[in-house]
Amino acid sequence: MNLSPLIISLKTAGLSTLFSFFLGILIAWGVVSMPRRWQGLVDGILTLPLVLPPTVTGFILLLIFGKNGPIGKFLLSIGIKVVFTVTGAVIAAFVVAFPLMYRTVKAAFEQIDPDLIYAGRTLGMSEMSIFRRVMIPAALPGIGAGLVLSFARALGEFGATLMLAGNLPGRTQTVSLMIYTATAAGDYELASKWVVVIVAISLSSIGLMNWWIDRSRRHGR
């Protein structure tokens, strides 16, 4: 069995999860820190890819990163191609997985006891110090859960990836796209093998998430 779909999927999901991890934490912190009158609008925009059909998300990304798109045209001018490349697959996976990381971390930040933050300010800590030394440790269970959920979502991404990166064997064909291709060709045996692989990885991810949350809660007591 050709393992290239698995390698591409893990590479794509890994990179998109890495970006989601850092940006999700920073942006969630920024949103909970901004005035409430703006939070609803910003939160809605950041969460939109979570509720849009994946093909719609992929179409929007294609308009943005295509050769005539505002960002795509600029990237092409400096030699970076997005459409029908692994770069496009990473971007698509990141866009659909990021809301899970962002919302999970944001919820964790909102559940932190405000008195801890006030105490830090009273002690003269800067906002960045409070973020690093108070908020991050208190939100670790949520951060871990968001990390695993965003990875699992990126790993199973299909629609946006197909629209932006295509389904090129050995180049942009992920496990989800391989299952689709094998099923369309009537090769149910091959499709079944890849389904077992993706289910096993997804179950392992859920198990890891539950372990992390349980461990974080025990150490927090």
C-alpha atoms as a PDB file:
ATOM      1  CA  MET A   1       0.000   0.000   0.000  1.00  0.00           C
ATOM      2  CA  ASN A   2       1.378   3.380  -1.042  1.00  0.00           C
ATOM      3  CA  LEU A   3       1.964   5.399   2.125  1.00  0.00           C
ATOM      4  CA  SER A   4       2.256   8.802   0.447  1.00  0.00           C
ATOM      5  CA  PRO A   5      -1.346   9.826   1.391  1.00  0.00           C
ATOM      6  CA  LEU A   6      -0.568   9.142   5.056  1.00  0.00           C
ATOM      7  CA  ILE A   7       2.726  11.036   4.909  1.00  0.00           C
ATOM      8  CA  ILE A   8       1.072  14.002   3.197  1.00  0.00           C
ATOM      9  CA  SER A   9      -1.811  13.954   5.690  1.00  0.00           C
ATOM     10  CA  LEU A  10       0.489  13.870   8.722  1.00  0.00           C
ATOM     11  CA  LYS A  11       2.700  16.606   7.274  1.00  0.00           C
ATOM     12  CA  THR A  12      -0.287  18.795   6.416  1.00  0.00           C
ATOM     13  CA  ALA A  13      -2.062  18.222   9.720  1.00  0.00           C
ATOM     14  CA  GLY A  14       1.141  18.682  11.714  1.00  0.00           C
ATOM     15  CA  LEU A  15       2.044  22.019  10.130  1.00  0.00           C
ATOM     16  CA  SER A  16      -1.492  23.391  10.269  1.00  0.00           C
ATOM     17  CA  THR A  17      -1.803  22.328  13.923  1.00  0.00           C
ATOM     18  CA  LEU A  18       1.483  24.056  14.727  1.00  0.00           C
ATOM     19  CA  PHE A  19       0.194  27.319  13.256  1.00  0.00           C
ATOM     20  CA  SER A  20      -3.200  26.841  14.944  1.00  0.00           C
ATOM     21  CA  PHE A  21      -1.506  26.269  18.296  1.00  0.00           C
ATOM     22  CA  PHE A  22       0.414  29.532  18.442  1.00  0.00           C
ATOM     23  CA  LEU A  23      -2.099  31.727  16.611  1.00  0.00           C
ATOM     24  CA  GLY A  24      -5.060  30.182  18.422  1.00  0.00           C
ATOM     25  CA  ILE A  25      -3.619  30.972  21.854  1.00  0.00           C
ATOM     26  CA  LEU A  26      -2.521  34.502  20.952  1.00  0.00           C
ATOM     27  CA  ILE A  27      -5.731  35.433  19.143  1.00  0.00           C
ATOM     28  CA  ALA A  28      -7.930  33.910  21.866  1.00  0.00           C
ATOM     29  CA  TRP A  29      -6.055  36.028  24.416  1.00  0.00           C
ATOM     30  CA  GLY A  30      -6.505  39.102  22.235  1.00  0.00           C
ATOM     31  CA  VAL A  31     -10.246  38.503  21.831  1.00  0.00           C
ATOM     32  CA  VAL A  32     -10.970  37.977  25.536  1.00  0.00           C
ATOM     33  CA  SER A  33      -8.954  41.118  26.275  1.00  0.00           C
ATOM     34  CA  MET A  34     -10.808  43.390  23.843  1.00  0.00           C
ATOM     35  CA  PRO A  35     -13.968  45.380  24.663  1.00  0.00           C
ATOM     36  CA  ARG A  36     -17.067  43.181  24.697  1.00  0.00           C
ATOM     37  CA  ARG A  37     -18.818  45.219  22.018  1.00  0.00           C
ATOM     38  CA  TRP A  38     -16.246  43.983  19.498  1.00  0.00           C
ATOM     39  CA  GLN A  39     -15.922  40.409  20.715  1.00  0.00           C
ATOM     40  CA  GLY A  40     -19.093  39.136  19.040  1.00  0.00           C
ATOM     41  CA  LEU A  41     -18.103  40.393  15.584  1.00  0.00           C
ATOM     42  CA  VAL A  42     -14.498  39.197  15.776  1.00  0.00           C
ATOM     43  CA  ASP A  43     -15.534  35.853  17.253  1.00  0.00           C
ATOM     44  CA  GLY A  44     -18.063  35.337  14.474  1.00  0.00           C
ATOM     45  CA  ILE A  45     -15.493  36.013  11.754  1.00  0.00           C
ATOM     46  CA  LEU A  46     -12.899  33.696  13.317  1.00  0.00           C
ATOM     47  CA  THR A  47     -15.459  30.917  13.829  1.00  0.00           C
ATOM     48  CA  LEU A  48     -17.025  31.176  10.355  1.00  0.00           C
ATOM     49  CA  PRO A  49     -14.947  28.362   8.743  1.00  0.00           C
ATOM     50  CA  LEU A  50     -16.315  26.014  11.406  1.00  0.00           C
ATOM     51  CA  VAL A  51     -19.906  26.405  10.223  1.00  0.00           C
ATOM     52  CA  LEU A  52     -19.427  27.004   6.488  1.00  0.00           C
ATOM     53  CA  PRO A  53     -19.535  24.004   4.131  1.00  0.00           C
ATOM     54  CA  PRO A  54     -15.915  22.971   3.427  1.00  0.00           C
ATOM     55  CA  THR A  55     -16.384  23.503  -0.301  1.00  0.00           C
ATOM     56  CA  VAL A  56     -17.495  27.093   0.334  1.00  0.00           C
ATOM     57  CA  THR A  57     -14.411  27.657   2.491  1.00  0.00           C
ATOM     58  CA  GLY A  58     -12.285  26.126  -0.257  1.00  0.00           C
ATOM     59  CA  PHE A  59     -13.871  28.338  -2.905  1.00  0.00           C
ATOM     60  CA  ILE A  60     -13.198  31.471  -0.849  1.00  0.00           C
ATOM     61  CA  LEU A  61      -9.586  30.362  -0.349  1.00  0.00           C
ATOM     62  CA  LEU A  62      -9.291  29.745  -4.070  1.00  0.00           C
ATOM     63  CA  LEU A  63     -10.451  33.294  -4.773  1.00  0.00           C
ATOM     64  CA  ILE A  64      -7.926  34.654  -2.275  1.00  0.00           C
ATOM     65  CA  PHE A  65      -4.916  32.498  -3.110  1.00  0.00           C
ATOM     66  CA  GLY A  66      -5.578  31.854  -6.819  1.00  0.00           C
ATOM     67  CA  LYS A  67      -3.356  33.430  -9.454  1.00  0.00           C
ATOM     68  CA  ASN A  68      -5.750  36.371  -9.761  1.00  0.00           C
ATOM     69  CA  GLY A  69      -6.475  36.641  -6.043  1.00  0.00           C
ATOM     70  CA  PRO A  70      -5.114  39.526  -3.930  1.00  0.00           C
ATOM     71  CA  ILE A  71      -2.740  37.330  -1.918  1.00  0.00           C
ATOM     72  CA  GLY A  72      -2.153  34.676  -4.566  1.00  0.00           C
ATOM     73  CA  LYS A  73      -0.984  37.226  -7.135  1.00  0.00           C
ATOM     74  CA  PHE A  74       1.522  38.665  -4.672  1.00  0.00           C
ATOM     75  CA  LEU A  75       2.824  35.243  -3.649  1.00  0.00           C
ATOM     76  CA  LEU A  76       3.267  34.245  -7.280  1.00  0.00           C
ATOM     77  CA  SER A  77       5.305  37.405  -7.855  1.00  0.00           C
ATOM     78  CA  ILE A  78       7.822  36.206  -5.259  1.00  0.00           C
ATOM     79  CA  GLY A  79       7.826  32.631  -6.514  1.00  0.00           C
ATOM     80  CA  ILE A  80       5.386  31.014  -4.082  1.00  0.00           C
ATOM     81  CA  LYS A  81       2.577  28.941  -5.579  1.00  0.00           C
ATOM     82  CA  VAL A  82      -0.362  27.920  -3.407  1.00  0.00           C
ATOM     83  CA  VAL A  83      -2.948  26.283  -5.664  1.00  0.00           C
ATOM     84  CA  PHE A  84      -2.361  22.553  -6.289  1.00  0.00           C
ATOM     85  CA  THR A  85       0.547  22.387  -3.829  1.00  0.00           C
ATOM     86  CA  VAL A  86       1.175  21.072  -0.307  1.00  0.00           C
ATOM     87  CA  THR A  87       1.267  24.707   0.780  1.00  0.00           C
ATOM     88  CA  GLY A  88      -2.351  25.002  -0.329  1.00  0.00           C
ATOM     89  CA  ALA A  89      -3.233  21.822   1.563  1.00  0.00           C
ATOM     90  CA  VAL A  90      -1.666  23.228   4.740  1.00  0.00           C
ATOM     91  CA  ILE A  91      -3.537  26.525   4.364  1.00  0.00           C
ATOM     92  CA  ALA A  92      -6.850  24.739   3.800  1.00  0.00           C
ATOM     93  CA  ALA A  93      -6.302  22.462   6.801  1.00  0.00           C
ATOM     94  CA  PHE A  94      -5.276  25.405   8.972  1.00  0.00           C
ATOM     95  CA  VAL A  95      -8.328  27.493   8.072  1.00  0.00           C
ATOM     96  CA  VAL A  96     -10.802  24.726   8.943  1.00  0.00           C
ATOM     97  CA  ALA A  97      -8.923  23.524  12.057  1.00  0.00           C
ATOM     98  CA  PHE A  98      -8.039  26.906  13.561  1.00  0.00           C
ATOM     99  CA  PRO A  99     -11.567  27.693  14.884  1.00  0.00           C
ATOM    100  CA  LEU A 100     -11.490  24.569  17.061  1.00  0.00           C
ATOM    101  CA  MET A 101      -8.195  25.611  18.656  1.00  0.00           C
ATOM    102  CA  TYR A 102      -9.303  29.208  19.025  1.00  0.00           C
ATOM    103  CA  ARG A 103     -12.718  28.507  20.534  1.00  0.00           C
ATOM    104  CA  THR A 104     -11.442  25.856  22.938  1.00  0.00           C
ATOM    105  CA  VAL A 105      -8.660  28.082  24.243  1.00  0.00           C
ATOM    106  CA  LYS A 106     -10.957  31.115  24.402  1.00  0.00           C
ATOM    107  CA  ALA A 107     -13.437  29.132  26.517  1.00  0.00           C
ATOM    108  CA  ALA A 108     -10.595  28.043  28.801  1.00  0.00           C
ATOM    109  CA  PHE A 109      -9.426  31.645  29.222  1.00  0.00           C
ATOM    110  CA  GLU A 110     -12.971  32.805  30.029  1.00  0.00           C
ATOM    111  CA  GLN A 111     -13.259  30.226  32.822  1.00  0.00           C
ATOM    112  CA  ILE A 112     -10.181  31.486  34.666  1.00  0.00           C
ATOM    113  CA  ASP A 113     -11.001  33.082  38.012  1.00  0.00           C
ATOM    114  CA  PRO A 114     -10.780  36.871  37.416  1.00  0.00           C
ATOM    115  CA  ASP A 115      -9.378  37.277  40.926  1.00  0.00           C
ATOM    116  CA  LEU A 116      -6.172  35.540  39.789  1.00  0.00           C
ATOM    117  CA  ILE A 117      -5.698  38.171  37.085  1.00  0.00           C
ATOM    118  CA  TYR A 118      -6.561  41.036  39.420  1.00  0.00           C
ATOM    119  CA  ALA A 119      -4.095  39.672  41.969  1.00  0.00           C
ATOM    120  CA  GLY A 120      -1.365  39.610  39.361  1.00  0.00           C
ATOM    121  CA  ARG A 121      -2.033  43.212  38.421  1.00  0.00           C
ATOM    122  CA  THR A 122      -2.035  44.208  42.084  1.00  0.00           C
ATOM    123  CA  LEU A 123       1.396  42.603  42.446  1.00  0.00           C
ATOM    124  CA  GLY A 124       2.669  44.722  39.568  1.00  0.00           C
ATOM    125  CA  MET A 125       2.836  42.006  36.926  1.00  0.00           C
ATOM    126  CA  SER A 126       2.640  43.128  33.292  1.00  0.00           C
ATOM    127  CA  GLU A 127      -0.166  41.858  31.069  1.00  0.00           C
ATOM    128  CA  MET A 128       2.324  39.641  29.232  1.00  0.00           C
ATOM    129  CA  SER A 129       3.560  38.165  32.520  1.00  0.00           C
ATOM    130  CA  ILE A 130      -0.023  37.486  33.597  1.00  0.00           C
ATOM    131  CA  PHE A 131      -0.635  35.821  30.244  1.00  0.00           C
ATOM    132  CA  ARG A 132       2.439  33.586  30.516  1.00  0.00           C
ATOM    133  CA  ARG A 133       2.445  32.829  34.231  1.00  0.00           C
ATOM    134  CA  VAL A 134      -1.240  32.868  35.137  1.00  0.00           C
ATOM    135  CA  MET A 135      -3.503  32.362  32.130  1.00  0.00           C
ATOM    136  CA  ILE A 136      -1.494  29.763  30.207  1.00  0.00           C
ATOM    137  CA  PRO A 137      -1.015  27.393  33.194  1.00  0.00           C
ATOM    138  CA  ALA A 138      -4.675  27.754  34.202  1.00  0.00           C
ATOM    139  CA  ALA A 139      -5.876  27.044  30.658  1.00  0.00           C
ATOM    140  CA  LEU A 140      -3.613  24.044  29.960  1.00  0.00           C
ATOM    141  CA  PRO A 141      -6.462  21.466  29.822  1.00  0.00           C
ATOM    142  CA  GLY A 142      -8.276  23.582  27.235  1.00  0.00           C
ATOM    143  CA  ILE A 143      -5.093  24.214  25.273  1.00  0.00           C
ATOM    144  CA  GLY A 144      -4.349  20.485  25.139  1.00  0.00           C
ATOM    145  CA  ALA A 145      -7.895  19.673  24.064  1.00  0.00           C
ATOM    146  CA  GLY A 146      -7.832  22.332  21.370  1.00  0.00           C
ATOM    147  CA  LEU A 147      -4.505  21.060  20.082  1.00  0.00           C
ATOM    148  CA  VAL A 148      -5.758  17.500  19.667  1.00  0.00           C
ATOM    149  CA  LEU A 149      -9.110  18.536  18.187  1.00  0.00           C
ATOM    150  CA  SER A 150      -7.496  20.843  15.641  1.00  0.00           C
ATOM    151  CA  PHE A 151      -5.054  18.095  14.633  1.00  0.00           C
ATOM    152  CA  ALA A 152      -7.867  15.578  14.173  1.00  0.00           C
ATOM    153  CA  ARG A 153      -9.894  18.085  12.153  1.00  0.00           C
ATOM    154  CA  ALA A 154      -6.928  18.936   9.943  1.00  0.00           C
ATOM    155  CA  LEU A 155      -6.158  15.262   9.431  1.00  0.00           C
ATOM    156  CA  GLY A 156      -9.661  14.561   8.158  1.00  0.00           C
ATOM    157  CA  GLU A 157     -10.042  17.699   6.033  1.00  0.00           C
ATOM    158  CA  PHE A 158     -11.486  17.019   2.574  1.00  0.00           C
ATOM    159  CA  GLY A 159     -13.567  19.718   0.877  1.00  0.00           C
ATOM    160  CA  ALA A 160     -11.389  22.806   1.257  1.00  0.00           C
ATOM    161  CA  THR A 161      -8.260  20.785   0.451  1.00  0.00           C
ATOM    162  CA  LEU A 162      -9.825  19.419  -2.719  1.00  0.00           C
ATOM    163  CA  MET A 163     -10.813  22.911  -3.866  1.00  0.00           C
ATOM    164  CA  LEU A 164      -7.488  24.623  -3.128  1.00  0.00           C
ATOM    165  CA  ALA A 165      -4.818  21.909  -3.361  1.00  0.00           C
ATOM    166  CA  GLY A 166      -6.491  19.407  -5.660  1.00  0.00           C
ATOM    167  CA  ASN A 167      -6.214  15.633  -5.548  1.00  0.00           C
ATOM    168  CA  LEU A 168      -2.784  14.973  -7.041  1.00  0.00           C
ATOM    169  CA  PRO A 169      -1.395  11.513  -6.158  1.00  0.00           C
ATOM    170  CA  GLY A 170       1.943  11.757  -4.384  1.00  0.00           C
ATOM    171  CA  ARG A 171       1.705  15.549  -4.131  1.00  0.00           C
ATOM    172  CA  THR A 172      -1.506  16.746  -2.477  1.00  0.00           C
ATOM    173  CA  GLN A 173      -3.555  13.558  -2.101  1.00  0.00           C
ATOM    174  CA  THR A 174      -4.304  13.093   1.600  1.00  0.00           C
ATOM    175  CA  VAL A 175      -5.881  10.032   3.224  1.00  0.00           C
ATOM    176  CA  SER A 176      -9.368  11.551   2.973  1.00  0.00           C
ATOM    177  CA  LEU A 177      -8.878  12.251  -0.723  1.00  0.00           C
ATOM    178  CA  MET A 178      -7.444   8.758  -1.234  1.00  0.00           C
ATOM    179  CA  ILE A 179     -10.553   7.216   0.343  1.00  0.00           C
ATOM    180  CA  TYR A 180     -12.741   9.286  -1.962  1.00  0.00           C
ATOM    181  CA  THR A 181     -10.695   8.316  -5.031  1.00  0.00           C
ATOM    182  CA  ALA A 182     -10.650   4.606  -4.161  1.00  0.00           C
ATOM    183  CA  THR A 183     -14.380   4.571  -3.471  1.00  0.00           C
ATOM    184  CA  ALA A 184     -15.148   6.371  -6.730  1.00  0.00           C
ATOM    185  CA  ALA A 185     -13.047   3.767  -8.571  1.00  0.00           C
ATOM    186  CA  GLY A 186     -14.910   0.925  -6.867  1.00  0.00           C
ATOM    187  CA  ASP A 187     -11.861  -0.239  -4.918  1.00  0.00           C
ATOM    188  CA  TYR A 188     -13.637  -0.712  -1.599  1.00  0.00           C
ATOM    189  CA  GLU A 189     -10.851  -2.889  -0.201  1.00  0.00           C
ATOM    190  CA  LEU A 190      -8.277  -0.106  -0.521  1.00  0.00           C
ATOM    191  CA  ALA A 191     -10.759   2.475   0.774  1.00  0.00           C
ATOM    192  CA  SER A 192     -11.492   0.248   3.785  1.00  0.00           C
ATOM    193  CA  LYS A 193      -7.804  -0.030   4.652  1.00  0.00           C
ATOM    194  CA  TRP A 194      -7.411   3.728   4.689  1.00  0.00           C
ATOM    195  CA  VAL A 195     -10.620   4.129   6.714  1.00  0.00           C
ATOM    196  CA  VAL A 196      -9.136   1.829   9.367  1.00  0.00           C
ATOM    197  CA  VAL A 197      -5.948   3.949   9.404  1.00  0.00           C
ATOM    198  CA  ILE A 198      -7.776   7.263   9.780  1.00  0.00           C
ATOM    199  CA  VAL A 199     -10.148   5.880  12.443  1.00  0.00           C
ATOM    200  CA  ALA A 200      -7.202   4.473  14.416  1.00  0.00           C
ATOM    201  CA  ILE A 201      -5.379   7.801  14.353  1.00  0.00           C
ATOM    202  CA  SER A 202      -8.548   9.710  15.284  1.00  0.00           C
ATOM    203  CA  LEU A 203      -9.301   7.393  18.219  1.00  0.00           C
ATOM    204  CA  SER A 204      -5.710   7.711  19.385  1.00  0.00           C
ATOM    205  CA  SER A 205      -6.050  11.489  19.231  1.00  0.00           C
ATOM    206  CA  ILE A 206      -9.210  11.402  21.344  1.00  0.00           C
ATOM    207  CA  GLY A 207      -7.521   9.089  23.850  1.00  0.00           C
ATOM    208  CA  LEU A 208      -4.562  11.459  24.030  1.00  0.00           C
ATOM    209  CA  MET A 209      -6.879  14.412  24.591  1.00  0.00           C
ATOM    210  CA  ASN A 210      -8.707  12.652  27.448  1.00  0.00           C
ATOM    211  CA  TRP A 211      -5.393  11.643  29.020  1.00  0.00           C
ATOM    212  CA  TRP A 212      -4.056  15.195  28.799  1.00  0.00           C
ATOM    213  CA  ILE A 213      -7.188  16.722  30.331  1.00  0.00           C
ATOM    214  CA  ASP A 214      -7.242  14.173  33.163  1.00  0.00           C
ATOM    215  CA  ARG A 215      -3.525  14.649  33.842  1.00  0.00           C
ATOM    216  CA  SER A 216      -3.805  18.438  33.824  1.00  0.00           C
ATOM    217  CA  ARG A 217      -6.737  18.362  36.239  1.00  0.00           C
ATOM    218  CA  ARG A 218      -4.944  15.998  38.652  1.00  0.00           C
ATOM    219  CA  HIS A 219      -1.823  18.153  38.667  1.00  0.00           C
ATOM    220  CA  GLY A 220      -3.931  21.255  39.146  1.00  0.00           C
ATOM    221  CA  ARG A 221      -5.411  19.979  42.353  1.00  0.00           C
END
